Amino acid sequence: MPAEAQALQGRVLHRDEMVLVIDKPAGLPVHAGPKGGATLDALLPWLAFGKGRPPGLAHRLDRDTSGCLVLGRTKPALARLGELFARGAVTKTYLALVVDVPGLEDGRIDLPLAKRSAQRGWWMEPSEQGQVAVTDVRVLARQGGVALVEAQPKTGRTHQIRVHLKALGAPLLGDTIYGPAAAGRSRRLMLHARAIDLPWLAGVTIRATAPLPADFQAALRHAGLALPGS
């Protein structure tokens, strides 16, 4: 078993006969890219845990985003998860460290997003002709030009949280695509999928919370911030 697979087995947050929720580490891409290296796709067979087939991804996280990632362990589970994500029934809660600005306040960002260019289809920008994109934002703490923000995306557009906060003038620390002025202040994108709530079958809700990674905690301390209640 590869060392990466063994480490990933230790990051399971929830497991039942149909659903897995794992704590994806920052730096692990979901799919293969031009840089090569380990990918979550390649490690899925070691997350079968006795099933005859590996689990499948119900959604995705960016390479440098850490935290809760949901997998379906059966075809019916994947179909059910796909339907839940498609209709916005899943509650996703992220924590982000951003550049603090006066316009950053609690509220809803309702700003359609579209691809910036055909050559780089995953680069996004606000556009009246884009797809509906909605994110609820809450400022948890702010200090010395940095803010800790809770974000709950109500839609699932590519890079949605990153582009929405950039549109407020508050790019994420470590974001080399949408926040070049902030990139040097962190070694990686400061975005963590903190918690997820899945309304499952027969009135059961699957809930999982991913602990804050060490580098995120270090960035909080460096900024003089703390997660409320911690």
C-alpha atoms as a PDB file:
ATOM      1  CA  MET A   1       0.000   0.000   0.000  1.00  0.00           C
ATOM      2  CA  PRO A   2       1.406   3.433  -0.919  1.00  0.00           C
ATOM      3  CA  ALA A   3       2.217   5.683   2.006  1.00  0.00           C
ATOM      4  CA  GLU A   4      -0.232   8.266   0.652  1.00  0.00           C
ATOM      5  CA  ALA A   5      -3.039   5.673   0.721  1.00  0.00           C
ATOM      6  CA  GLN A   6      -2.235   4.632   4.269  1.00  0.00           C
ATOM      7  CA  ALA A   7      -2.262   8.271   5.376  1.00  0.00           C
ATOM      8  CA  LEU A   8      -5.592   8.843   3.601  1.00  0.00           C
ATOM      9  CA  GLN A   9      -7.173   5.866   5.365  1.00  0.00           C
ATOM     10  CA  GLY A  10      -6.425   7.647   8.606  1.00  0.00           C
ATOM     11  CA  ARG A  11      -8.288  10.742   7.436  1.00  0.00           C
ATOM     12  CA  VAL A  12     -11.772   9.187   7.202  1.00  0.00           C
ATOM     13  CA  LEU A  13     -14.305  11.423   8.972  1.00  0.00           C
ATOM     14  CA  HIS A  14     -17.419   9.334   8.282  1.00  0.00           C
ATOM     15  CA  ARG A  15     -17.968   5.836   6.913  1.00  0.00           C
ATOM     16  CA  ASP A  16     -21.103   3.775   6.458  1.00  0.00           C
ATOM     17  CA  GLU A  17     -22.235   1.268   3.832  1.00  0.00           C
ATOM     18  CA  MET A  18     -23.007   3.980   1.272  1.00  0.00           C
ATOM     19  CA  VAL A  19     -21.024   7.131   2.042  1.00  0.00           C
ATOM     20  CA  LEU A  20     -17.459   8.106   2.925  1.00  0.00           C
ATOM     21  CA  VAL A  21     -16.365  11.567   4.000  1.00  0.00           C
ATOM     22  CA  ILE A  22     -12.612  12.135   4.092  1.00  0.00           C
ATOM     23  CA  ASP A  23     -10.406  15.004   5.188  1.00  0.00           C
ATOM     24  CA  LYS A  24      -8.515  15.741   1.984  1.00  0.00           C
ATOM     25  CA  PRO A  25      -5.075  17.231   2.630  1.00  0.00           C
ATOM     26  CA  ALA A  26      -4.006  20.401   0.865  1.00  0.00           C
ATOM     27  CA  GLY A  27      -1.713  19.707  -2.075  1.00  0.00           C
ATOM     28  CA  LEU A  28      -3.428  16.475  -3.150  1.00  0.00           C
ATOM     29  CA  PRO A  29      -5.160  16.946  -6.519  1.00  0.00           C
ATOM     30  CA  VAL A  30      -8.368  15.074  -7.181  1.00  0.00           C
ATOM     31  CA  HIS A  31      -7.468  14.296 -10.805  1.00  0.00           C
ATOM     32  CA  ALA A  32      -4.188  13.852 -12.671  1.00  0.00           C
ATOM     33  CA  GLY A  33      -2.590  16.996 -14.055  1.00  0.00           C
ATOM     34  CA  PRO A  34       0.478  18.033 -16.037  1.00  0.00           C
ATOM     35  CA  LYS A  35       2.679  18.122 -12.911  1.00  0.00           C
ATOM     36  CA  GLY A  36       2.192  14.406 -12.163  1.00  0.00           C
ATOM     37  CA  GLY A  37       2.452  13.024  -8.642  1.00  0.00           C
ATOM     38  CA  ALA A  38      -0.110  11.368  -6.383  1.00  0.00           C
ATOM     39  CA  THR A  39      -3.801  11.986  -7.026  1.00  0.00           C
ATOM     40  CA  LEU A  40      -6.918  11.114  -5.083  1.00  0.00           C
ATOM     41  CA  ASP A  41      -8.256   9.246  -8.125  1.00  0.00           C
ATOM     42  CA  ALA A  42      -5.305   6.843  -7.995  1.00  0.00           C
ATOM     43  CA  LEU A  43      -5.734   6.258  -4.260  1.00  0.00           C
ATOM     44  CA  LEU A  44      -9.455   5.441  -4.321  1.00  0.00           C
ATOM     45  CA  PRO A  45      -8.955   1.624  -4.530  1.00  0.00           C
ATOM     46  CA  TRP A  46      -7.443   1.756  -1.019  1.00  0.00           C
ATOM     47  CA  LEU A  47     -10.608   3.434   0.253  1.00  0.00           C
ATOM     48  CA  ALA A  48     -12.878   0.544  -0.766  1.00  0.00           C
ATOM     49  CA  PHE A  49     -12.810  -0.942   2.761  1.00  0.00           C
ATOM     50  CA  GLY A  50     -14.113  -4.342   1.654  1.00  0.00           C
ATOM     51  CA  LYS A  51     -16.381  -3.194  -1.151  1.00  0.00           C
ATOM     52  CA  GLY A  52     -15.949  -4.788  -4.562  1.00  0.00           C
ATOM     53  CA  ARG A  53     -15.317  -1.428  -6.205  1.00  0.00           C
ATOM     54  CA  PRO A  54     -13.597   1.780  -5.112  1.00  0.00           C
ATOM     55  CA  PRO A  55     -15.741   4.733  -4.049  1.00  0.00           C
ATOM     56  CA  GLY A  56     -16.517   7.544  -6.469  1.00  0.00           C
ATOM     57  CA  LEU A  57     -16.290  11.299  -6.025  1.00  0.00           C
ATOM     58  CA  ALA A  58     -19.570  13.062  -5.304  1.00  0.00           C
ATOM     59  CA  HIS A  59     -17.973  16.504  -5.818  1.00  0.00           C
ATOM     60  CA  ARG A  60     -14.462  17.937  -5.862  1.00  0.00           C
ATOM     61  CA  LEU A  61     -12.090  20.259  -4.054  1.00  0.00           C
ATOM     62  CA  ASP A  62      -9.248  22.248  -5.576  1.00  0.00           C
ATOM     63  CA  ARG A  63      -5.744  20.858  -5.190  1.00  0.00           C
ATOM     64  CA  ASP A  64      -4.779  23.298  -2.443  1.00  0.00           C
ATOM     65  CA  THR A  65      -8.120  23.249  -0.607  1.00  0.00           C
ATOM     66  CA  SER A  66      -8.204  20.979   2.437  1.00  0.00           C
ATOM     67  CA  GLY A  67     -11.104  19.408   4.295  1.00  0.00           C
ATOM     68  CA  CYS A  68     -14.378  17.537   3.851  1.00  0.00           C
ATOM     69  CA  LEU A  69     -14.753  15.594   0.610  1.00  0.00           C
ATOM     70  CA  VAL A  70     -17.680  13.239   0.016  1.00  0.00           C
ATOM     71  CA  LEU A  71     -17.476   9.891  -1.806  1.00  0.00           C
ATOM     72  CA  GLY A  72     -20.195   7.415  -2.695  1.00  0.00           C
ATOM     73  CA  ARG A  73     -19.472   3.733  -2.037  1.00  0.00           C
ATOM     74  CA  THR A  74     -22.171   2.336  -4.357  1.00  0.00           C
ATOM     75  CA  LYS A  75     -23.781   3.391  -7.640  1.00  0.00           C
ATOM     76  CA  PRO A  76     -27.135   4.193  -5.931  1.00  0.00           C
ATOM     77  CA  ALA A  77     -25.271   6.264  -3.330  1.00  0.00           C
ATOM     78  CA  LEU A  78     -23.433   8.227  -6.017  1.00  0.00           C
ATOM     79  CA  ALA A  79     -26.699   8.877  -7.845  1.00  0.00           C
ATOM     80  CA  ARG A  80     -28.340  10.088  -4.632  1.00  0.00           C
ATOM     81  CA  LEU A  81     -25.350  12.284  -3.775  1.00  0.00           C
ATOM     82  CA  GLY A  82     -25.304  13.736  -7.277  1.00  0.00           C
ATOM     83  CA  GLU A  83     -28.944  14.704  -6.940  1.00  0.00           C
ATOM     84  CA  LEU A  84     -28.373  16.309  -3.524  1.00  0.00           C
ATOM     85  CA  PHE A  85     -25.427  18.384  -4.714  1.00  0.00           C
ATOM     86  CA  ALA A  86     -27.206  19.357  -7.941  1.00  0.00           C
ATOM     87  CA  ARG A  87     -30.226  20.820  -6.152  1.00  0.00           C
ATOM     88  CA  GLY A  88     -28.183  22.563  -3.469  1.00  0.00           C
ATOM     89  CA  ALA A  89     -29.420  20.418  -0.594  1.00  0.00           C
ATOM     90  CA  VAL A  90     -25.927  19.897   0.861  1.00  0.00           C
ATOM     91  CA  THR A  91     -24.699  22.444   3.414  1.00  0.00           C
ATOM     92  CA  LYS A  92     -21.002  23.141   2.862  1.00  0.00           C
ATOM     93  CA  THR A  93     -19.127  25.325   5.327  1.00  0.00           C
ATOM     94  CA  TYR A  94     -15.662  26.671   4.492  1.00  0.00           C
ATOM     95  CA  LEU A  95     -13.149  28.704   6.443  1.00  0.00           C
ATOM     96  CA  ALA A  96     -10.979  31.187   4.573  1.00  0.00           C
ATOM     97  CA  LEU A  97      -8.244  33.626   5.484  1.00  0.00           C
ATOM     98  CA  VAL A  98      -8.551  36.741   3.349  1.00  0.00           C
ATOM     99  CA  VAL A  99      -7.238  40.261   2.953  1.00  0.00           C
ATOM    100  CA  ASP A 100      -9.459  42.437   5.138  1.00  0.00           C
ATOM    101  CA  VAL A 101     -11.185  45.409   3.487  1.00  0.00           C
ATOM    102  CA  PRO A 102     -13.979  47.805   4.592  1.00  0.00           C
ATOM    103  CA  GLY A 103     -16.487  46.210   2.185  1.00  0.00           C
ATOM    104  CA  LEU A 104     -16.080  42.767   3.728  1.00  0.00           C
ATOM    105  CA  GLU A 105     -19.162  42.273   5.925  1.00  0.00           C
ATOM    106  CA  ASP A 106     -21.668  39.547   6.766  1.00  0.00           C
ATOM    107  CA  GLY A 107     -24.112  38.949   3.943  1.00  0.00           C
ATOM    108  CA  ARG A 108     -24.877  37.215   0.670  1.00  0.00           C
ATOM    109  CA  ILE A 109     -22.813  37.494  -2.505  1.00  0.00           C
ATOM    110  CA  ASP A 110     -25.084  36.946  -5.518  1.00  0.00           C
ATOM    111  CA  LEU A 111     -22.794  37.275  -8.512  1.00  0.00           C
ATOM    112  CA  PRO A 112     -23.004  35.143 -11.696  1.00  0.00           C
ATOM    113  CA  LEU A 113     -19.746  33.552 -12.842  1.00  0.00           C
ATOM    114  CA  ALA A 114     -18.442  32.579 -16.284  1.00  0.00           C
ATOM    115  CA  LYS A 115     -15.225  31.145 -17.712  1.00  0.00           C
ATOM    116  CA  ARG A 116     -12.566  33.778 -18.233  1.00  0.00           C
ATOM    117  CA  SER A 117     -11.191  32.133 -21.378  1.00  0.00           C
ATOM    118  CA  ALA A 118     -11.654  29.015 -23.483  1.00  0.00           C
ATOM    119  CA  GLN A 119      -7.960  28.149 -23.108  1.00  0.00           C
ATOM    120  CA  ARG A 120      -8.097  28.026 -19.299  1.00  0.00           C
ATOM    121  CA  GLY A 121     -11.657  26.891 -18.674  1.00  0.00           C
ATOM    122  CA  TRP A 122     -11.242  26.657 -14.925  1.00  0.00           C
ATOM    123  CA  TRP A 123     -10.404  30.385 -14.592  1.00  0.00           C
ATOM    124  CA  MET A 124     -13.598  32.211 -13.652  1.00  0.00           C
ATOM    125  CA  GLU A 125     -14.804  35.812 -13.542  1.00  0.00           C
ATOM    126  CA  PRO A 126     -17.995  37.697 -12.679  1.00  0.00           C
ATOM    127  CA  SER A 127     -20.276  38.048 -15.698  1.00  0.00           C
ATOM    128  CA  GLU A 128     -23.902  39.021 -16.235  1.00  0.00           C
ATOM    129  CA  GLN A 129     -24.031  36.236 -18.833  1.00  0.00           C
ATOM    130  CA  GLY A 130     -22.607  33.661 -16.408  1.00  0.00           C
ATOM    131  CA  GLN A 131     -24.222  30.969 -14.292  1.00  0.00           C
ATOM    132  CA  VAL A 132     -25.999  31.822 -11.072  1.00  0.00           C
ATOM    133  CA  ALA A 133     -23.563  31.761  -8.130  1.00  0.00           C
ATOM    134  CA  VAL A 134     -24.495  32.542  -4.521  1.00  0.00           C
ATOM    135  CA  THR A 135     -22.302  32.510  -1.404  1.00  0.00           C
ATOM    136  CA  ASP A 136     -23.227  33.437   2.167  1.00  0.00           C
ATOM    137  CA  VAL A 137     -20.349  35.066   4.053  1.00  0.00           C
ATOM    138  CA  ARG A 138     -19.781  35.692   7.763  1.00  0.00           C
ATOM    139  CA  VAL A 139     -16.747  37.469   9.210  1.00  0.00           C
ATOM    140  CA  LEU A 140     -15.590  35.514  12.277  1.00  0.00           C
ATOM    141  CA  ALA A 141     -12.551  37.599  13.233  1.00  0.00           C
ATOM    142  CA  ARG A 142     -10.358  40.361  11.842  1.00  0.00           C
ATOM    143  CA  GLN A 143      -6.996  41.758  12.858  1.00  0.00           C
ATOM    144  CA  GLY A 144      -4.164  43.672  11.220  1.00  0.00           C
ATOM    145  CA  GLY A 145      -5.463  43.523   7.656  1.00  0.00           C
ATOM    146  CA  VAL A 146      -6.430  39.825   7.707  1.00  0.00           C
ATOM    147  CA  ALA A 147      -9.909  38.369   8.257  1.00  0.00           C
ATOM    148  CA  LEU A 148     -11.153  34.887   9.063  1.00  0.00           C
ATOM    149  CA  VAL A 149     -14.289  34.275   7.043  1.00  0.00           C
ATOM    150  CA  GLU A 150     -16.905  31.533   7.067  1.00  0.00           C
ATOM    151  CA  ALA A 151     -18.349  30.923   3.600  1.00  0.00           C
ATOM    152  CA  GLN A 152     -21.315  28.743   2.654  1.00  0.00           C
ATOM    153  CA  PRO A 153     -21.678  28.370  -1.125  1.00  0.00           C
ATOM    154  CA  LYS A 154     -25.290  27.798  -2.143  1.00  0.00           C
ATOM    155  CA  THR A 155     -24.243  26.857  -5.669  1.00  0.00           C
ATOM    156  CA  GLY A 156     -21.263  24.827  -6.840  1.00  0.00           C
ATOM    157  CA  ARG A 157     -19.408  26.871  -9.447  1.00  0.00           C
ATOM    158  CA  THR A 158     -15.690  26.408 -10.066  1.00  0.00           C
ATOM    159  CA  HIS A 159     -13.589  28.620  -7.760  1.00  0.00           C
ATOM    160  CA  GLN A 160     -16.813  30.243  -6.524  1.00  0.00           C
ATOM    161  CA  ILE A 161     -15.663  31.305  -3.044  1.00  0.00           C
ATOM    162  CA  ARG A 162     -12.325  32.544  -4.364  1.00  0.00           C
ATOM    163  CA  VAL A 163     -13.853  34.695  -7.107  1.00  0.00           C
ATOM    164  CA  HIS A 164     -16.681  36.019  -4.941  1.00  0.00           C
ATOM    165  CA  LEU A 165     -14.320  37.181  -2.204  1.00  0.00           C
ATOM    166  CA  LYS A 166     -11.936  38.628  -4.771  1.00  0.00           C
ATOM    167  CA  ALA A 167     -14.880  40.616  -6.163  1.00  0.00           C
ATOM    168  CA  LEU A 168     -15.264  42.221  -2.722  1.00  0.00           C
ATOM    169  CA  GLY A 169     -11.585  43.186  -2.817  1.00  0.00           C
ATOM    170  CA  ALA A 170     -10.808  40.499  -0.225  1.00  0.00           C
ATOM    171  CA  PRO A 171      -8.827  37.761  -2.017  1.00  0.00           C
ATOM    172  CA  LEU A 172      -7.796  34.613  -0.173  1.00  0.00           C
ATOM    173  CA  LEU A 173      -4.295  34.485   1.211  1.00  0.00           C
ATOM    174  CA  GLY A 174      -2.114  32.249  -0.928  1.00  0.00           C
ATOM    175  CA  ASP A 175      -4.346  32.566  -3.998  1.00  0.00           C
ATOM    176  CA  THR A 176      -1.893  32.876  -6.883  1.00  0.00           C
ATOM    177  CA  ILE A 177      -4.693  33.034  -9.487  1.00  0.00           C
ATOM    178  CA  TYR A 178      -7.155  35.560  -8.109  1.00  0.00           C
ATOM    179  CA  GLY A 179      -5.123  37.334  -5.453  1.00  0.00           C
ATOM    180  CA  PRO A 180      -1.518  37.922  -6.565  1.00  0.00           C
ATOM    181  CA  ALA A 181      -1.067  40.753  -4.067  1.00  0.00           C
ATOM    182  CA  ALA A 182      -1.915  38.344  -1.237  1.00  0.00           C
ATOM    183  CA  ALA A 183      -0.133  35.262  -2.534  1.00  0.00           C
ATOM    184  CA  GLY A 184       3.160  35.933  -0.815  1.00  0.00           C
ATOM    185  CA  ARG A 185       1.543  36.020   2.601  1.00  0.00           C
ATOM    186  CA  SER A 186       0.874  32.289   2.722  1.00  0.00           C
ATOM    187  CA  ARG A 187       2.499  29.131   1.427  1.00  0.00           C
ATOM    188  CA  ARG A 188      -0.775  27.728   0.126  1.00  0.00           C
ATOM    189  CA  LEU A 189      -4.365  28.701  -0.554  1.00  0.00           C
ATOM    190  CA  MET A 190      -5.970  29.398   2.830  1.00  0.00           C
ATOM    191  CA  LEU A 191      -9.281  27.650   2.172  1.00  0.00           C
ATOM    192  CA  HIS A 192     -10.544  24.750   4.298  1.00  0.00           C
ATOM    193  CA  ALA A 193     -13.770  22.782   3.826  1.00  0.00           C
ATOM    194  CA  ARG A 194     -14.571  22.767   7.522  1.00  0.00           C
ATOM    195  CA  ALA A 195     -17.908  20.932   7.648  1.00  0.00           C
ATOM    196  CA  ILE A 196     -20.550  19.252   5.532  1.00  0.00           C
ATOM    197  CA  ASP A 197     -24.182  18.288   6.206  1.00  0.00           C
ATOM    198  CA  LEU A 198     -25.866  15.725   3.928  1.00  0.00           C
ATOM    199  CA  PRO A 199     -29.624  15.196   4.291  1.00  0.00           C
ATOM    200  CA  TRP A 200     -29.626  11.450   3.749  1.00  0.00           C
ATOM    201  CA  LEU A 201     -32.293   8.754   3.603  1.00  0.00           C
ATOM    202  CA  ALA A 202     -35.128   8.268   6.128  1.00  0.00           C
ATOM    203  CA  GLY A 203     -34.578  11.631   7.774  1.00  0.00           C
ATOM    204  CA  VAL A 204     -30.931  10.930   8.632  1.00  0.00           C
ATOM    205  CA  THR A 205     -28.395  13.740   8.233  1.00  0.00           C
ATOM    206  CA  ILE A 206     -24.747  12.831   7.744  1.00  0.00           C
ATOM    207  CA  ARG A 207     -22.531  15.433   9.400  1.00  0.00           C
ATOM    208  CA  ALA A 208     -18.748  15.640   9.291  1.00  0.00           C
ATOM    209  CA  THR A 209     -16.228  18.215  10.505  1.00  0.00           C
ATOM    210  CA  ALA A 210     -12.594  18.366   9.396  1.00  0.00           C
ATOM    211  CA  PRO A 211     -10.032  19.606  11.953  1.00  0.00           C
ATOM    212  CA  LEU A 212      -8.030  22.690  11.075  1.00  0.00           C
ATOM    213  CA  PRO A 213      -4.746  21.700   9.396  1.00  0.00           C
ATOM    214  CA  ALA A 214      -1.527  22.684  11.135  1.00  0.00           C
ATOM    215  CA  ASP A 215      -0.606  25.227   8.452  1.00  0.00           C
ATOM    216  CA  PHE A 216      -4.025  26.907   8.733  1.00  0.00           C
ATOM    217  CA  GLN A 217      -3.645  27.092  12.510  1.00  0.00           C
ATOM    218  CA  ALA A 218      -0.165  28.561  12.092  1.00  0.00           C
ATOM    219  CA  ALA A 219      -1.500  31.191   9.667  1.00  0.00           C
ATOM    220  CA  LEU A 220      -4.201  32.117  12.190  1.00  0.00           C
ATOM    221  CA  ARG A 221      -1.628  32.542  14.958  1.00  0.00           C
ATOM    222  CA  HIS A 222       0.639  34.587  12.693  1.00  0.00           C
ATOM    223  CA  ALA A 223      -2.265  36.933  11.945  1.00  0.00           C
ATOM    224  CA  GLY A 224      -3.168  37.191  15.629  1.00  0.00           C
ATOM    225  CA  LEU A 225      -6.526  35.512  15.024  1.00  0.00           C
ATOM    226  CA  ALA A 226      -8.361  32.577  16.592  1.00  0.00           C
ATOM    227  CA  LEU A 227     -11.347  30.493  15.583  1.00  0.00           C
ATOM    228  CA  PRO A 228     -14.251  31.558  17.843  1.00  0.00           C
ATOM    229  CA  GLY A 229     -14.967  28.912  20.467  1.00  0.00           C
ATOM    230  CA  SER A 230     -11.562  27.256  20.166  1.00  0.00           C
END
